[in-house]
Amino acid sequence: MFLNFISYFFYKPTKEEIAELIERFINGEDVLKFYEWDDFVSVRLRDPLLEKIRRRCSEIEKEFPVPGKEGLFVNEEGMKVLRAYVKELREKK
């Protein structure tokens, strides 16, 4: 909990950084480490738009599950939601 509090003040990703992180998740790129996604969905963000997206992404695996798989997997409908977030973030630079 303390680290989450500290991270709130020091973890200040840009819209482009979050767009890239979500894109790596969508593409299944090996460069996306589990801890990156975990940091993103676990640490509250000051930017209201990024916080809205973070909260949705933290639940997206439950909302759009892939039958038979657990963890960092979402079905095609979930991928559409994530792609829309990437687009939104890039348009609001």
C-alpha atoms as a PDB file:
ATOM      1  CA  MET A   1       0.000   0.000   0.000  1.00  0.00           C
ATOM      2  CA  PHE A   2       2.840   2.377   0.854  1.00  0.00           C
ATOM      3  CA  LEU A   3       4.528   1.737  -2.500  1.00  0.00           C
ATOM      4  CA  ASN A   4       1.245   2.428  -4.255  1.00  0.00           C
ATOM      5  CA  PHE A   5       1.069   5.759  -2.417  1.00  0.00           C
ATOM      6  CA  ILE A   6       4.654   6.635  -3.399  1.00  0.00           C
ATOM      7  CA  SER A   7       4.093   5.509  -6.981  1.00  0.00           C
ATOM      8  CA  TYR A   8       1.113   7.864  -7.256  1.00  0.00           C
ATOM      9  CA  PHE A   9       3.537  10.778  -6.964  1.00  0.00           C
ATOM     10  CA  PHE A  10       6.341   9.427  -9.135  1.00  0.00           C
ATOM     11  CA  TYR A  11       4.647   7.294 -11.801  1.00  0.00           C
ATOM     12  CA  LYS A  12       3.506   9.903 -14.311  1.00  0.00           C
ATOM     13  CA  PRO A  13       3.215   8.240 -17.708  1.00  0.00           C
ATOM     14  CA  THR A  14       2.269  10.276 -20.731  1.00  0.00           C
ATOM     15  CA  LYS A  15      -0.707   9.516 -22.954  1.00  0.00           C
ATOM     16  CA  GLU A  16       1.693   8.213 -25.600  1.00  0.00           C
ATOM     17  CA  GLU A  17       3.461   5.931 -23.108  1.00  0.00           C
ATOM     18  CA  ILE A  18       0.137   4.399 -22.065  1.00  0.00           C
ATOM     19  CA  ALA A  19      -0.937   4.076 -25.716  1.00  0.00           C
ATOM     20  CA  GLU A  20       2.312   2.204 -26.441  1.00  0.00           C
ATOM     21  CA  LEU A  21       1.880  -0.048 -23.416  1.00  0.00           C
ATOM     22  CA  ILE A  22      -1.689  -0.953 -24.419  1.00  0.00           C
ATOM     23  CA  GLU A  23      -0.538  -1.507 -27.989  1.00  0.00           C
ATOM     24  CA  ARG A  24       2.161  -3.933 -26.821  1.00  0.00           C
ATOM     25  CA  PHE A  25      -0.505  -5.775 -24.837  1.00  0.00           C
ATOM     26  CA  ILE A  26      -2.751  -5.977 -27.934  1.00  0.00           C
ATOM     27  CA  ASN A  27       0.109  -7.226 -30.104  1.00  0.00           C
ATOM     28  CA  GLY A  28       1.226  -9.765 -27.517  1.00  0.00           C
ATOM     29  CA  GLU A  29       4.761  -8.416 -27.701  1.00  0.00           C
ATOM     30  CA  ASP A  30       7.318 -10.046 -25.485  1.00  0.00           C
ATOM     31  CA  VAL A  31       8.709  -6.632 -24.578  1.00  0.00           C
ATOM     32  CA  LEU A  32       5.609  -6.072 -22.441  1.00  0.00           C
ATOM     33  CA  LYS A  33       6.620  -7.518 -19.143  1.00  0.00           C
ATOM     34  CA  PHE A  34       3.952  -8.615 -16.689  1.00  0.00           C
ATOM     35  CA  TYR A  35       5.126  -6.029 -14.155  1.00  0.00           C
ATOM     36  CA  GLU A  36       4.584  -3.182 -16.657  1.00  0.00           C
ATOM     37  CA  TRP A  37       0.934  -4.080 -17.092  1.00  0.00           C
ATOM     38  CA  ASP A  38       0.605  -4.716 -13.362  1.00  0.00           C
ATOM     39  CA  ASP A  39       2.113  -1.304 -12.540  1.00  0.00           C
ATOM     40  CA  PHE A  40      -0.238   0.363 -14.990  1.00  0.00           C
ATOM     41  CA  VAL A  41      -3.426  -1.257 -13.704  1.00  0.00           C
ATOM     42  CA  SER A  42      -2.407  -1.110 -10.024  1.00  0.00           C
ATOM     43  CA  VAL A  43      -1.231   2.469  -9.553  1.00  0.00           C
ATOM     44  CA  ARG A  44      -3.739   5.294  -9.518  1.00  0.00           C
ATOM     45  CA  LEU A  45      -2.948   8.052 -12.007  1.00  0.00           C
ATOM     46  CA  ARG A  46      -3.407  11.791 -11.613  1.00  0.00           C
ATOM     47  CA  ASP A  47      -4.519  12.445 -15.183  1.00  0.00           C
ATOM     48  CA  PRO A  48      -8.322  11.890 -15.235  1.00  0.00           C
ATOM     49  CA  LEU A  49      -8.361  10.358 -18.728  1.00  0.00           C
ATOM     50  CA  LEU A  50      -5.498   7.978 -17.953  1.00  0.00           C
ATOM     51  CA  GLU A  51      -7.131   7.041 -14.656  1.00  0.00           C
ATOM     52  CA  LYS A  52     -10.423   6.244 -16.427  1.00  0.00           C
ATOM     53  CA  ILE A  53      -8.577   4.030 -18.902  1.00  0.00           C
ATOM     54  CA  ARG A  54      -6.474   2.425 -16.166  1.00  0.00           C
ATOM     55  CA  ARG A  55      -9.559   1.471 -14.175  1.00  0.00           C
ATOM     56  CA  ARG A  56     -11.236  -0.102 -17.196  1.00  0.00           C
ATOM     57  CA  CYS A  57      -8.060  -1.962 -18.177  1.00  0.00           C
ATOM     58  CA  SER A  58      -7.717  -3.328 -14.647  1.00  0.00           C
ATOM     59  CA  GLU A  59     -11.000  -5.219 -15.130  1.00  0.00           C
ATOM     60  CA  ILE A  60     -10.901  -5.901 -18.860  1.00  0.00           C
ATOM     61  CA  GLU A  61      -9.748  -9.510 -18.501  1.00  0.00           C
ATOM     62  CA  LYS A  62     -12.841 -10.241 -16.389  1.00  0.00           C
ATOM     63  CA  GLU A  63     -15.168  -8.299 -18.667  1.00  0.00           C
ATOM     64  CA  PHE A  64     -13.898  -9.895 -21.905  1.00  0.00           C
ATOM     65  CA  PRO A  65     -12.405 -13.266 -20.931  1.00  0.00           C
ATOM     66  CA  VAL A  66     -10.975 -15.843 -23.283  1.00  0.00           C
ATOM     67  CA  PRO A  67     -12.560 -19.201 -22.397  1.00  0.00           C
ATOM     68  CA  GLY A  68      -9.993 -21.598 -20.984  1.00  0.00           C
ATOM     69  CA  LYS A  69      -7.317 -18.954 -20.418  1.00  0.00           C
ATOM     70  CA  GLU A  70      -6.570 -16.924 -17.346  1.00  0.00           C
ATOM     71  CA  GLY A  71      -4.251 -13.986 -16.913  1.00  0.00           C
ATOM     72  CA  LEU A  72      -3.396 -11.393 -19.518  1.00  0.00           C
ATOM     73  CA  PHE A  73      -5.897 -12.481 -22.135  1.00  0.00           C
ATOM     74  CA  VAL A  74      -8.961 -10.745 -23.550  1.00  0.00           C
ATOM     75  CA  ASN A  75     -11.280 -11.736 -26.382  1.00  0.00           C
ATOM     76  CA  GLU A  76     -11.702  -9.805 -29.637  1.00  0.00           C
ATOM     77  CA  GLU A  77     -14.361  -7.503 -28.169  1.00  0.00           C
ATOM     78  CA  GLY A  78     -11.914  -6.578 -25.410  1.00  0.00           C
ATOM     79  CA  MET A  79      -9.220  -5.942 -28.011  1.00  0.00           C
ATOM     80  CA  LYS A  80     -11.583  -3.514 -29.765  1.00  0.00           C
ATOM     81  CA  VAL A  81     -11.996  -1.597 -26.515  1.00  0.00           C
ATOM     82  CA  LEU A  82      -8.216  -1.444 -26.071  1.00  0.00           C
ATOM     83  CA  ARG A  83      -7.673  -0.305 -29.679  1.00  0.00           C
ATOM     84  CA  ALA A  84     -10.232   2.453 -29.130  1.00  0.00           C
ATOM     85  CA  TYR A  85      -8.276   3.619 -26.069  1.00  0.00           C
ATOM     86  CA  VAL A  86      -5.037   3.719 -28.070  1.00  0.00           C
ATOM     87  CA  LYS A  87      -6.766   5.817 -30.715  1.00  0.00           C
ATOM     88  CA  GLU A  88      -8.303   8.132 -28.126  1.00  0.00           C
ATOM     89  CA  LEU A  89      -4.969   8.655 -26.383  1.00  0.00           C
ATOM     90  CA  ARG A  90      -3.178   9.471 -29.600  1.00  0.00           C
ATOM     91  CA  GLU A  91      -5.877  11.934 -30.656  1.00  0.00           C
ATOM     92  CA  LYS A  92      -5.682  13.804 -27.329  1.00  0.00           C
ATOM     93  CA  LYS A  93      -1.945  14.524 -27.350  1.00  0.00           C
END
